[in-house]
PDB file of N, CA and C in Angstrom:
ATOM      1  N   MET A   1     -29.577  36.221 -63.039  1.00  0.00           N
ATOM      2  CA  MET A   1     -29.779  37.009 -61.832  1.00  0.00           C
ATOM      3  C   MET A   1     -29.125  38.371 -62.034  1.00  0.00           C
ATOM      4  N   LYS A   2     -29.804  39.397 -61.619  1.00  0.00           N
ATOM      5  CA  LYS A   2     -29.251  40.741 -61.692  1.00  0.00           C
ATOM      6  C   LYS A   2     -29.065  41.254 -60.277  1.00  0.00           C
ATOM      7  N   LEU A   3     -27.889  41.803 -60.025  1.00  0.00           N
ATOM      8  CA  LEU A   3     -27.618  42.387 -58.717  1.00  0.00           C
ATOM      9  C   LEU A   3     -27.822  43.886 -58.791  1.00  0.00           C
ATOM     10  N   PRO A   4     -28.345  44.477 -57.729  1.00  0.00           N
ATOM     11  CA  PRO A   4     -28.442  45.937 -57.701  1.00  0.00           C
ATOM     12  C   PRO A   4     -27.042  46.539 -57.587  1.00  0.00           C
ATOM     13  N   GLU A   5     -26.939  47.819 -57.831  1.00  0.00           N
ATOM     14  CA  GLU A   5     -25.632  48.481 -57.790  1.00  0.00           C
ATOM     15  C   GLU A   5     -24.991  48.396 -56.411  1.00  0.00           C
ATOM     16  N   GLU A   6     -25.785  48.494 -55.361  1.00  0.00           N
ATOM     17  CA  GLU A   6     -25.247  48.401 -54.004  1.00  0.00           C
ATOM     18  C   GLU A   6     -25.427  46.979 -53.485  1.00  0.00           C
ATOM     19  N   GLY A   7     -24.346  46.389 -53.027  1.00  0.00           N
ATOM     20  CA  GLY A   7     -24.400  45.024 -52.518  1.00  0.00           C
ATOM     21  C   GLY A   7     -23.579  44.893 -51.253  1.00  0.00           C
ATOM     22  N   LYS A   8     -23.415  43.670 -50.807  1.00  0.00           N
ATOM     23  CA  LYS A   8     -22.605  43.369 -49.625  1.00  0.00           C
ATOM     24  C   LYS A   8     -21.554  42.338 -50.009  1.00  0.00           C
ATOM     25  N   LEU A   9     -20.378  42.510 -49.440  1.00  0.00           N
ATOM     26  CA  LEU A   9     -19.282  41.566 -49.603  1.00  0.00           C
ATOM     27  C   LEU A   9     -19.068  40.875 -48.266  1.00  0.00           C
ATOM     28  N   LEU A  10     -19.232  39.565 -48.263  1.00  0.00           N
ATOM     29  CA  LEU A  10     -19.020  38.761 -47.072  1.00  0.00           C
ATOM     30  C   LEU A  10     -17.681  38.059 -47.234  1.00  0.00           C
ATOM     31  N   ARG A  11     -16.810  38.197 -46.235  1.00  0.00           N
ATOM     32  CA  ARG A  11     -15.513  37.512 -46.244  1.00  0.00           C
ATOM     33  C   ARG A  11     -15.442  36.594 -45.038  1.00  0.00           C
ATOM     34  N   ILE A  12     -15.078  35.352 -45.297  1.00  0.00           N
ATOM     35  CA  ILE A  12     -14.952  34.365 -44.239  1.00  0.00           C
ATOM     36  C   ILE A  12     -13.510  33.857 -44.257  1.00  0.00           C
ATOM     37  N   PHE A  13     -12.811  34.006 -43.134  1.00  0.00           N
ATOM     38  CA  PHE A  13     -11.430  33.560 -43.013  1.00  0.00           C
ATOM     39  C   PHE A  13     -11.412  32.322 -42.121  1.00  0.00           C
ATOM     40  N   VAL A  14     -10.934  31.207 -42.656  1.00  0.00           N
ATOM     41  CA  VAL A  14     -10.836  29.957 -41.902  1.00  0.00           C
ATOM     42  C   VAL A  14      -9.503  29.294 -42.232  1.00  0.00           C
ATOM     43  N   GLY A  15      -9.246  28.172 -41.610  1.00  0.00           N
ATOM     44  CA  GLY A  15      -8.053  27.400 -41.911  1.00  0.00           C
ATOM     45  C   GLY A  15      -8.336  26.358 -42.980  1.00  0.00           C
ATOM     46  N   GLU A  16      -7.318  26.050 -43.747  1.00  0.00           N
ATOM     47  CA  GLU A  16      -7.454  25.083 -44.826  1.00  0.00           C
ATOM     48  C   GLU A  16      -7.873  23.699 -44.324  1.00  0.00           C
ATOM     49  N   THR A  17      -7.477  23.355 -43.114  1.00  0.00           N
ATOM     50  CA  THR A  17      -7.793  22.022 -42.590  1.00  0.00           C
ATOM     51  C   THR A  17      -9.075  21.995 -41.752  1.00  0.00           C
ATOM     52  N   ASP A  18      -9.780  23.121 -41.634  1.00  0.00           N
ATOM     53  CA  ASP A  18     -11.044  23.135 -40.904  1.00  0.00           C
ATOM     54  C   ASP A  18     -12.062  22.256 -41.640  1.00  0.00           C
ATOM     55  N   VAL A  19     -12.810  21.480 -40.864  1.00  0.00           N
ATOM     56  CA  VAL A  19     -13.719  20.486 -41.443  1.00  0.00           C
ATOM     57  C   VAL A  19     -15.121  20.656 -40.875  1.00  0.00           C
ATOM     58  N   TYR A  20     -16.114  20.364 -41.712  1.00  0.00           N
ATOM     59  CA  TYR A  20     -17.511  20.327 -41.279  1.00  0.00           C
ATOM     60  C   TYR A  20     -18.152  19.082 -41.887  1.00  0.00           C
ATOM     61  N   LYS A  21     -18.611  18.186 -41.046  1.00  0.00           N
ATOM     62  CA  LYS A  21     -19.245  16.931 -41.479  1.00  0.00           C
ATOM     63  C   LYS A  21     -18.390  16.171 -42.491  1.00  0.00           C
ATOM     64  N   GLY A  22     -17.102  16.042 -42.192  1.00  0.00           N
ATOM     65  CA  GLY A  22     -16.204  15.258 -43.030  1.00  0.00           C
ATOM     66  C   GLY A  22     -15.758  15.916 -44.322  1.00  0.00           C
ATOM     67  N   LYS A  23     -16.101  17.170 -44.513  1.00  0.00           N
ATOM     68  CA  LYS A  23     -15.791  17.899 -45.741  1.00  0.00           C
ATOM     69  C   LYS A  23     -15.030  19.157 -45.366  1.00  0.00           C
ATOM     70  N   ALA A  24     -14.154  19.623 -46.245  1.00  0.00           N
ATOM     71  CA  ALA A  24     -13.457  20.877 -45.993  1.00  0.00           C
ATOM     72  C   ALA A  24     -14.488  21.967 -45.719  1.00  0.00           C
ATOM     73  N   LEU A  25     -14.270  22.769 -44.674  1.00  0.00           N
ATOM     74  CA  LEU A  25     -15.233  23.808 -44.297  1.00  0.00           C
ATOM     75  C   LEU A  25     -15.473  24.794 -45.432  1.00  0.00           C
ATOM     76  N   TYR A  26     -14.391  25.195 -46.123  1.00  0.00           N
ATOM     77  CA  TYR A  26     -14.580  26.150 -47.219  1.00  0.00           C
ATOM     78  C   TYR A  26     -15.484  25.564 -48.310  1.00  0.00           C
ATOM     79  N   GLU A  27     -15.368  24.254 -48.557  1.00  0.00           N
ATOM     80  CA  GLU A  27     -16.225  23.604 -49.551  1.00  0.00           C
ATOM     81  C   GLU A  27     -17.676  23.579 -49.071  1.00  0.00           C
ATOM     82  N   ALA A  28     -17.886  23.265 -47.802  1.00  0.00           N
ATOM     83  CA  ALA A  28     -19.244  23.248 -47.245  1.00  0.00           C
ATOM     84  C   ALA A  28     -19.892  24.628 -47.347  1.00  0.00           C
ATOM     85  N   ILE A  29     -19.103  25.681 -47.122  1.00  0.00           N
ATOM     86  CA  ILE A  29     -19.639  27.054 -47.201  1.00  0.00           C
ATOM     87  C   ILE A  29     -20.042  27.386 -48.631  1.00  0.00           C
ATOM     88  N   VAL A  30     -19.195  27.052 -49.591  1.00  0.00           N
ATOM     89  CA  VAL A  30     -19.511  27.335 -51.004  1.00  0.00           C
ATOM     90  C   VAL A  30     -20.753  26.552 -51.432  1.00  0.00           C
ATOM     91  N   LEU A  31     -20.832  25.293 -51.053  1.00  0.00           N
ATOM     92  CA  LEU A  31     -22.004  24.490 -51.420  1.00  0.00           C
ATOM     93  C   LEU A  31     -23.280  25.029 -50.784  1.00  0.00           C
ATOM     94  N   LYS A  32     -23.178  25.518 -49.538  1.00  0.00           N
ATOM     95  CA  LYS A  32     -24.349  26.116 -48.877  1.00  0.00           C
ATOM     96  C   LYS A  32     -24.754  27.405 -49.592  1.00  0.00           C
ATOM     97  N   ALA A  33     -23.772  28.216 -49.992  1.00  0.00           N
ATOM     98  CA  ALA A  33     -24.072  29.454 -50.724  1.00  0.00           C
ATOM     99  C   ALA A  33     -24.803  29.130 -52.027  1.00  0.00           C
ATOM    100  N   ARG A  34     -24.351  28.089 -52.702  1.00  0.00           N
ATOM    101  CA  ARG A  34     -25.010  27.681 -53.957  1.00  0.00           C
ATOM    102  C   ARG A  34     -26.427  27.189 -53.685  1.00  0.00           C
ATOM    103  N   GLU A  35     -26.578  26.384 -52.637  1.00  0.00           N
ATOM    104  CA  GLU A  35     -27.898  25.883 -52.260  1.00  0.00           C
ATOM    105  C   GLU A  35     -28.866  27.030 -51.982  1.00  0.00           C
ATOM    106  N   LEU A  36     -28.361  28.115 -51.391  1.00  0.00           N
ATOM    107  CA  LEU A  36     -29.187  29.275 -51.060  1.00  0.00           C
ATOM    108  C   LEU A  36     -29.348  30.238 -52.240  1.00  0.00           C
ATOM    109  N   ASN A  37     -28.814  29.866 -53.403  1.00  0.00           N
ATOM    110  CA  ASN A  37     -28.890  30.677 -54.624  1.00  0.00           C
ATOM    111  C   ASN A  37     -28.227  32.044 -54.476  1.00  0.00           C
ATOM    112  N   LEU A  38     -27.133  32.106 -53.712  1.00  0.00           N
ATOM    113  CA  LEU A  38     -26.385  33.356 -53.628  1.00  0.00           C
ATOM    114  C   LEU A  38     -25.685  33.583 -54.962  1.00  0.00           C
ATOM    115  N   ALA A  39     -25.358  34.825 -55.253  1.00  0.00           N
ATOM    116  CA  ALA A  39     -24.853  35.193 -56.574  1.00  0.00           C
ATOM    117  C   ALA A  39     -23.575  34.452 -56.956  1.00  0.00           C
ATOM    118  N   GLY A  40     -22.710  34.162 -55.994  1.00  0.00           N
ATOM    119  CA  GLY A  40     -21.479  33.443 -56.295  1.00  0.00           C
ATOM    120  C   GLY A  40     -20.549  33.465 -55.105  1.00  0.00           C
ATOM    121  N   ALA A  41     -19.589  32.558 -55.117  1.00  0.00           N
ATOM    122  CA  ALA A  41     -18.605  32.481 -54.038  1.00  0.00           C
ATOM    123  C   ALA A  41     -17.261  32.102 -54.642  1.00  0.00           C
ATOM    124  N   THR A  42     -16.195  32.619 -54.067  1.00  0.00           N
ATOM    125  CA  THR A  42     -14.837  32.303 -54.506  1.00  0.00           C
ATOM    126  C   THR A  42     -13.988  32.000 -53.291  1.00  0.00           C
ATOM    127  N   VAL A  43     -13.131  30.981 -53.408  1.00  0.00           N
ATOM    128  CA  VAL A  43     -12.232  30.589 -52.326  1.00  0.00           C
ATOM    129  C   VAL A  43     -10.807  30.956 -52.730  1.00  0.00           C
ATOM    130  N   PHE A  44     -10.094  31.610 -51.823  1.00  0.00           N
ATOM    131  CA  PHE A  44      -8.696  31.981 -52.025  1.00  0.00           C
ATOM    132  C   PHE A  44      -7.849  31.278 -50.974  1.00  0.00           C
ATOM    133  N   ARG A  45      -6.738  30.711 -51.408  1.00  0.00           N
ATOM    134  CA  ARG A  45      -5.806  30.048 -50.483  1.00  0.00           C
ATOM    135  C   ARG A  45      -4.633  30.987 -50.262  1.00  0.00           C
ATOM    136  N   GLY A  46      -4.408  31.319 -49.007  1.00  0.00           N
ATOM    137  CA  GLY A  46      -3.314  32.228 -48.680  1.00  0.00           C
ATOM    138  C   GLY A  46      -1.977  31.514 -48.625  1.00  0.00           C
ATOM    139  N   ILE A  47      -0.904  32.266 -48.801  1.00  0.00           N
ATOM    140  CA  ILE A  47       0.429  31.674 -48.690  1.00  0.00           C
ATOM    141  C   ILE A  47       1.054  31.937 -47.330  1.00  0.00           C
ATOM    142  N   MET A  48       0.462  32.884 -46.598  1.00  0.00           N
ATOM    143  CA  MET A  48       0.946  33.163 -45.246  1.00  0.00           C
ATOM    144  C   MET A  48      -0.104  33.971 -44.494  1.00  0.00           C
ATOM    145  N   GLY A  49      -0.176  33.757 -43.192  1.00  0.00           N
ATOM    146  CA  GLY A  49      -1.098  34.532 -42.379  1.00  0.00           C
ATOM    147  C   GLY A  49      -1.067  34.096 -40.935  1.00  0.00           C
ATOM    148  N   TYR A  50      -1.798  34.822 -40.101  1.00  0.00           N
ATOM    149  CA  TYR A  50      -2.000  34.432 -38.706  1.00  0.00           C
ATOM    150  C   TYR A  50      -3.337  34.979 -38.259  1.00  0.00           C
ATOM    151  N   GLY A  51      -3.847  34.392 -37.188  1.00  0.00           N
ATOM    152  CA  GLY A  51      -5.158  34.791 -36.694  1.00  0.00           C
ATOM    153  C   GLY A  51      -5.107  35.165 -35.236  1.00  0.00           C
ATOM    154  N   ALA A  52      -6.215  34.930 -34.553  1.00  0.00           N
ATOM    155  CA  ALA A  52      -6.370  35.361 -33.165  1.00  0.00           C
ATOM    156  C   ALA A  52      -5.324  34.745 -32.237  1.00  0.00           C
ATOM    157  N   ALA A  53      -4.865  33.539 -32.537  1.00  0.00           N
ATOM    158  CA  ALA A  53      -3.865  32.879 -31.695  1.00  0.00           C
ATOM    159  C   ALA A  53      -2.443  33.353 -32.009  1.00  0.00           C
ATOM    160  N   SER A  54      -2.286  34.196 -33.010  1.00  0.00           N
ATOM    161  CA  SER A  54      -0.997  34.753 -33.438  1.00  0.00           C
ATOM    162  C   SER A  54       0.009  33.701 -33.904  1.00  0.00           C
ATOM    163  N   ARG A  55      -0.473  32.514 -34.281  1.00  0.00           N
ATOM    164  CA  ARG A  55       0.403  31.471 -34.809  1.00  0.00           C
ATOM    165  C   ARG A  55       0.542  31.667 -36.314  1.00  0.00           C
ATOM    166  N   ILE A  56       1.787  31.760 -36.796  1.00  0.00           N
ATOM    167  CA  ILE A  56       2.039  31.969 -38.227  1.00  0.00           C
ATOM    168  C   ILE A  56       1.771  30.672 -38.993  1.00  0.00           C
ATOM    169  N   HIS A  57       1.073  30.793 -40.097  1.00  0.00           N
ATOM    170  CA  HIS A  57       0.830  29.695 -41.032  1.00  0.00           C
ATOM    171  C   HIS A  57       1.436  30.133 -42.357  1.00  0.00           C
ATOM    172  N   SER A  58       2.348  29.330 -42.902  1.00  0.00           N
ATOM    173  CA  SER A  58       2.962  29.735 -44.173  1.00  0.00           C
ATOM    174  C   SER A  58       3.426  28.536 -44.967  1.00  0.00           C
ATOM    175  N   ILE A  59       3.625  28.785 -46.251  1.00  0.00           N
ATOM    176  CA  ILE A  59       4.203  27.773 -47.133  1.00  0.00           C
ATOM    177  C   ILE A  59       5.704  27.805 -46.933  1.00  0.00           C
ATOM    178  N   LYS A  60       6.281  26.649 -46.720  1.00  0.00           N
ATOM    179  CA  LYS A  60       7.730  26.527 -46.599  1.00  0.00           C
ATOM    180  C   LYS A  60       8.214  25.594 -47.696  1.00  0.00           C
ATOM    181  N   LEU A  61       9.444  25.745 -48.098  1.00  0.00           N
ATOM    182  CA  LEU A  61       9.999  24.898 -49.138  1.00  0.00           C
ATOM    183  C   LEU A  61       9.924  23.420 -48.794  1.00  0.00           C
ATOM    184  N   LEU A  62      10.165  23.055 -47.548  1.00  0.00           N
ATOM    185  CA  LEU A  62      10.233  21.653 -47.166  1.00  0.00           C
ATOM    186  C   LEU A  62       8.885  21.060 -46.785  1.00  0.00           C
ATOM    187  N   ARG A  63       7.853  21.888 -46.701  1.00  0.00           N
ATOM    188  CA  ARG A  63       6.531  21.397 -46.323  1.00  0.00           C
ATOM    189  C   ARG A  63       5.515  21.846 -47.364  1.00  0.00           C
ATOM    190  N   LEU A  64       4.531  21.016 -47.613  1.00  0.00           N
ATOM    191  CA  LEU A  64       3.505  21.385 -48.580  1.00  0.00           C
ATOM    192  C   LEU A  64       2.541  22.417 -48.016  1.00  0.00           C
ATOM    193  N   SER A  65       2.161  22.262 -46.750  1.00  0.00           N
ATOM    194  CA  SER A  65       1.286  23.261 -46.144  1.00  0.00           C
ATOM    195  C   SER A  65       1.319  23.135 -44.631  1.00  0.00           C
ATOM    196  N   GLU A  66       0.926  24.200 -43.983  1.00  0.00           N
ATOM    197  CA  GLU A  66       0.828  24.257 -42.523  1.00  0.00           C
ATOM    198  C   GLU A  66      -0.527  24.855 -42.172  1.00  0.00           C
ATOM    199  N   ASP A  67      -1.605  24.182 -42.547  1.00  0.00           N
ATOM    200  CA  ASP A  67      -2.951  24.706 -42.310  1.00  0.00           C
ATOM    201  C   ASP A  67      -3.043  26.150 -42.793  1.00  0.00           C
ATOM    202  N   LEU A  68      -2.838  26.328 -44.073  1.00  0.00           N
ATOM    203  CA  LEU A  68      -2.804  27.669 -44.652  1.00  0.00           C
ATOM    204  C   LEU A  68      -4.142  28.385 -44.501  1.00  0.00           C
ATOM    205  N   PRO A  69      -4.084  29.727 -44.494  1.00  0.00           N
ATOM    206  CA  PRO A  69      -5.327  30.493 -44.396  1.00  0.00           C
ATOM    207  C   PRO A  69      -6.135  30.384 -45.688  1.00  0.00           C
ATOM    208  N   VAL A  70      -7.452  30.365 -45.527  1.00  0.00           N
ATOM    209  CA  VAL A  70      -8.371  30.325 -46.664  1.00  0.00           C
ATOM    210  C   VAL A  70      -9.393  31.441 -46.469  1.00  0.00           C
ATOM    211  N   MET A  71      -9.698  32.149 -47.550  1.00  0.00           N
ATOM    212  CA  MET A  71     -10.704  33.215 -47.496  1.00  0.00           C
ATOM    213  C   MET A  71     -11.774  32.899 -48.531  1.00  0.00           C
ATOM    214  N   ILE A  72     -13.018  32.965 -48.105  1.00  0.00           N
ATOM    215  CA  ILE A  72     -14.152  32.788 -49.008  1.00  0.00           C
ATOM    216  C   ILE A  72     -14.834  34.144 -49.142  1.00  0.00           C
ATOM    217  N   GLU A  73     -15.049  34.572 -50.382  1.00  0.00           N
ATOM    218  CA  GLU A  73     -15.765  35.828 -50.626  1.00  0.00           C
ATOM    219  C   GLU A  73     -17.087  35.532 -51.310  1.00  0.00           C
ATOM    220  N   ILE A  74     -18.118  36.205 -50.827  1.00  0.00           N
ATOM    221  CA  ILE A  74     -19.455  36.096 -51.409  1.00  0.00           C
ATOM    222  C   ILE A  74     -20.004  37.509 -51.557  1.00  0.00           C
ATOM    223  N   VAL A  75     -20.483  37.841 -52.747  1.00  0.00           N
ATOM    224  CA  VAL A  75     -21.103  39.148 -52.989  1.00  0.00           C
ATOM    225  C   VAL A  75     -22.548  38.917 -53.403  1.00  0.00           C
ATOM    226  N   ASP A  76     -23.454  39.638 -52.755  1.00  0.00           N
ATOM    227  CA  ASP A  76     -24.878  39.548 -53.084  1.00  0.00           C
ATOM    228  C   ASP A  76     -25.579  40.697 -52.380  1.00  0.00           C
ATOM    229  N   THR A  77     -26.887  40.675 -52.394  1.00  0.00           N
ATOM    230  CA  THR A  77     -27.644  41.679 -51.644  1.00  0.00           C
ATOM    231  C   THR A  77     -27.544  41.358 -50.162  1.00  0.00           C
ATOM    232  N   GLU A  78     -27.778  42.343 -49.324  1.00  0.00           N
ATOM    233  CA  GLU A  78     -27.734  42.111 -47.879  1.00  0.00           C
ATOM    234  C   GLU A  78     -28.775  41.068 -47.466  1.00  0.00           C
ATOM    235  N   GLU A  79     -29.943  41.154 -48.064  1.00  0.00           N
ATOM    236  CA  GLU A  79     -31.021  40.203 -47.757  1.00  0.00           C
ATOM    237  C   GLU A  79     -30.567  38.768 -48.040  1.00  0.00           C
ATOM    238  N   ASN A  80     -29.901  38.546 -49.159  1.00  0.00           N
ATOM    239  CA  ASN A  80     -29.444  37.197 -49.496  1.00  0.00           C
ATOM    240  C   ASN A  80     -28.256  36.765 -48.635  1.00  0.00           C
ATOM    241  N   ILE A  81     -27.344  37.681 -48.366  1.00  0.00           N
ATOM    242  CA  ILE A  81     -26.196  37.362 -47.507  1.00  0.00           C
ATOM    243  C   ILE A  81     -26.685  36.937 -46.124  1.00  0.00           C
ATOM    244  N   ASP A  82     -27.729  37.587 -45.634  1.00  0.00           N
ATOM    245  CA  ASP A  82     -28.272  37.255 -44.310  1.00  0.00           C
ATOM    246  C   ASP A  82     -28.733  35.799 -44.215  1.00  0.00           C
ATOM    247  N   LYS A  83     -29.059  35.179 -45.360  1.00  0.00           N
ATOM    248  CA  LYS A  83     -29.539  33.800 -45.362  1.00  0.00           C
ATOM    249  C   LYS A  83     -28.457  32.801 -44.947  1.00  0.00           C
ATOM    250  N   ILE A  84     -27.197  33.122 -45.198  1.00  0.00           N
ATOM    251  CA  ILE A  84     -26.119  32.168 -44.896  1.00  0.00           C
ATOM    252  C   ILE A  84     -25.519  32.389 -43.505  1.00  0.00           C
ATOM    253  N   LEU A  85     -25.812  33.503 -42.870  1.00  0.00           N
ATOM    254  CA  LEU A  85     -25.197  33.814 -41.575  1.00  0.00           C
ATOM    255  C   LEU A  85     -25.482  32.771 -40.491  1.00  0.00           C
ATOM    256  N   PRO A  86     -26.703  32.228 -40.368  1.00  0.00           N
ATOM    257  CA  PRO A  86     -26.917  31.189 -39.350  1.00  0.00           C
ATOM    258  C   PRO A  86     -26.037  29.948 -39.594  1.00  0.00           C
ATOM    259  N   PHE A  87     -25.864  29.560 -40.841  1.00  0.00           N
ATOM    260  CA  PHE A  87     -25.000  28.418 -41.177  1.00  0.00           C
ATOM    261  C   PHE A  87     -23.558  28.710 -40.770  1.00  0.00           C
ATOM    262  N   LEU A  88     -23.087  29.925 -41.038  1.00  0.00           N
ATOM    263  CA  LEU A  88     -21.720  30.292 -40.663  1.00  0.00           C
ATOM    264  C   LEU A  88     -21.556  30.310 -39.146  1.00  0.00           C
ATOM    265  N   ASP A  89     -22.576  30.788 -38.453  1.00  0.00           N
ATOM    266  CA  ASP A  89     -22.526  30.808 -36.990  1.00  0.00           C
ATOM    267  C   ASP A  89     -22.377  29.396 -36.433  1.00  0.00           C
ATOM    268  N   GLU A  90     -23.028  28.458 -37.085  1.00  0.00           N
ATOM    269  CA  GLU A  90     -22.983  27.052 -36.658  1.00  0.00           C
ATOM    270  C   GLU A  90     -21.652  26.377 -37.021  1.00  0.00           C
ATOM    271  N   THR A  91     -21.082  26.710 -38.160  1.00  0.00           N
ATOM    272  CA  THR A  91     -19.959  25.929 -38.693  1.00  0.00           C
ATOM    273  C   THR A  91     -18.576  26.534 -38.460  1.00  0.00           C
ATOM    274  N   VAL A  92     -18.463  27.840 -38.387  1.00  0.00           N
ATOM    275  CA  VAL A  92     -17.151  28.475 -38.236  1.00  0.00           C
ATOM    276  C   VAL A  92     -16.839  28.570 -36.746  1.00  0.00           C
ATOM    277  N   GLU A  93     -16.028  27.619 -36.276  1.00  0.00           N
ATOM    278  CA  GLU A  93     -15.666  27.593 -34.857  1.00  0.00           C
ATOM    279  C   GLU A  93     -14.479  28.495 -34.569  1.00  0.00           C
ATOM    280  N   GLU A  94     -13.563  28.602 -35.520  1.00  0.00           N
ATOM    281  CA  GLU A  94     -12.413  29.500 -35.410  1.00  0.00           C
ATOM    282  C   GLU A  94     -12.310  30.257 -36.716  1.00  0.00           C
ATOM    283  N   GLY A  95     -12.025  31.529 -36.648  1.00  0.00           N
ATOM    284  CA  GLY A  95     -11.875  32.314 -37.866  1.00  0.00           C
ATOM    285  C   GLY A  95     -12.402  33.716 -37.683  1.00  0.00           C
ATOM    286  N   LEU A  96     -12.655  34.356 -38.795  1.00  0.00           N
ATOM    287  CA  LEU A  96     -13.131  35.737 -38.812  1.00  0.00           C
ATOM    288  C   LEU A  96     -14.132  35.876 -39.943  1.00  0.00           C
ATOM    289  N   ILE A  97     -15.214  36.596 -39.686  1.00  0.00           N
ATOM    290  CA  ILE A  97     -16.215  36.868 -40.711  1.00  0.00           C
ATOM    291  C   ILE A  97     -16.446  38.370 -40.736  1.00  0.00           C
ATOM    292  N   THR A  98     -16.334  38.965 -41.922  1.00  0.00           N
ATOM    293  CA  THR A  98     -16.574  40.401 -42.064  1.00  0.00           C
ATOM    294  C   THR A  98     -17.592  40.640 -43.173  1.00  0.00           C
ATOM    295  N   MET A  99     -18.222  41.810 -43.127  1.00  0.00           N
ATOM    296  CA  MET A  99     -19.145  42.208 -44.181  1.00  0.00           C
ATOM    297  C   MET A  99     -18.974  43.694 -44.422  1.00  0.00           C
ATOM    298  N   GLU A 100     -18.968  44.051 -45.691  1.00  0.00           N
ATOM    299  CA  GLU A 100     -18.850  45.463 -46.028  1.00  0.00           C
ATOM    300  C   GLU A 100     -19.706  45.777 -47.251  1.00  0.00           C
ATOM    301  N   SER A 101     -20.018  47.040 -47.398  1.00  0.00           N
ATOM    302  CA  SER A 101     -20.787  47.493 -48.551  1.00  0.00           C
ATOM    303  C   SER A 101     -19.872  47.572 -49.764  1.00  0.00           C
ATOM    304  N   VAL A 102     -20.397  47.163 -50.913  1.00  0.00           N
ATOM    305  CA  VAL A 102     -19.648  47.243 -52.160  1.00  0.00           C
ATOM    306  C   VAL A 102     -20.535  47.811 -53.254  1.00  0.00           C
ATOM    307  N   LYS A 103     -19.908  48.390 -54.246  1.00  0.00           N
ATOM    308  CA  LYS A 103     -20.605  48.871 -55.428  1.00  0.00           C
ATOM    309  C   LYS A 103     -20.407  47.828 -56.523  1.00  0.00           C
ATOM    310  N   VAL A 104     -21.486  47.246 -56.996  1.00  0.00           N
ATOM    311  CA  VAL A 104     -21.419  46.233 -58.042  1.00  0.00           C
ATOM    312  C   VAL A 104     -21.382  46.947 -59.392  1.00  0.00           C
ATOM    313  N   ILE A 105     -20.306  46.734 -60.115  1.00  0.00           N
ATOM    314  CA  ILE A 105     -20.140  47.361 -61.430  1.00  0.00           C
ATOM    315  C   ILE A 105     -20.789  46.506 -62.517  1.00  0.00           C
ATOM    316  N   LYS A 106     -20.511  45.211 -62.484  1.00  0.00           N
ATOM    317  CA  LYS A 106     -21.068  44.303 -63.486  1.00  0.00           C
ATOM    318  C   LYS A 106     -21.171  42.912 -62.894  1.00  0.00           C
ATOM    319  N   TYR A 107     -22.275  42.219 -63.196  1.00  0.00           N
ATOM    320  CA  TYR A 107     -22.453  40.828 -62.791  1.00  0.00           C
ATOM    321  C   TYR A 107     -23.226  40.142 -63.896  1.00  0.00           C
ATOM    322  N   ARG A 108     -22.511  39.395 -64.701  1.00  0.00           N
ATOM    323  CA  ARG A 108     -23.140  38.714 -65.850  1.00  0.00           C
ATOM    324  C   ARG A 108     -22.509  37.356 -66.039  1.00  0.00           C
ATOM    325  N   HIS A 109     -23.229  36.479 -66.697  1.00  0.00           N
ATOM    326  CA  HIS A 109     -22.660  35.183 -67.060  1.00  0.00           C
ATOM    327  C   HIS A 109     -22.729  35.043 -68.572  1.00  0.00           C
ATOM    328  N   ARG A 110     -21.900  34.135 -69.066  1.00  0.00           N
ATOM    329  CA  ARG A 110     -21.888  33.860 -70.487  1.00  0.00           C
ATOM    330  C   ARG A 110     -23.168  33.179 -70.903  1.00  0.00           C
ATOM    331  N   LYS A 111     -23.691  33.580 -72.020  1.00  0.00           N
ATOM    332  CA  LYS A 111     -24.886  32.914 -72.541  1.00  0.00           C
ATOM    333  C   LYS A 111     -24.456  31.592 -73.156  1.00  0.00           C
ATOM    334  N   ALA A 112     -25.281  30.580 -72.965  1.00  0.00           N
ATOM    335  CA  ALA A 112     -24.973  29.271 -73.530  1.00  0.00           C
ATOM    336  C   ALA A 112     -25.029  29.330 -75.043  1.00  0.00           C
ATOM    337  N   THR A 113     -24.034  28.724 -75.681  1.00  0.00           N
ATOM    338  CA  THR A 113     -24.020  28.691 -77.142  1.00  0.00           C
ATOM    339  C   THR A 113     -24.549  27.334 -77.608  1.00  0.00           C
ATOM    340  N   GLN A 114     -25.233  27.359 -78.719  1.00  0.00           N
ATOM    341  CA  GLN A 114     -25.843  26.109 -79.198  1.00  0.00           C
ATOM    342  C   GLN A 114     -25.277  25.691 -80.509  1.00  0.00           C
TER     343      GLN A 114
END
């Protein structure tokens, strides 16, 4: 797949413990992006953050996690990004979704070696 120079970056901010149909929400989003043949998706786990409720979520020495923030990034064309928006509208009950224009410098995969 080749991406044009101008693309869109979709960022989805949710909680680590958010669930959709018995599966982690971030996992459901990545699997949906793959199903829709979007260029790629990456999940980042935050070490600290807060959202609309202003409740701090952070890693503490004595606790493994406190519903840490998770960010999913997807870069593709606007037309392709638009394909996942209805799914996000249905599944993201709490969180933040942003989209911005990006300049794609390079998008390539390794060729299979035989």
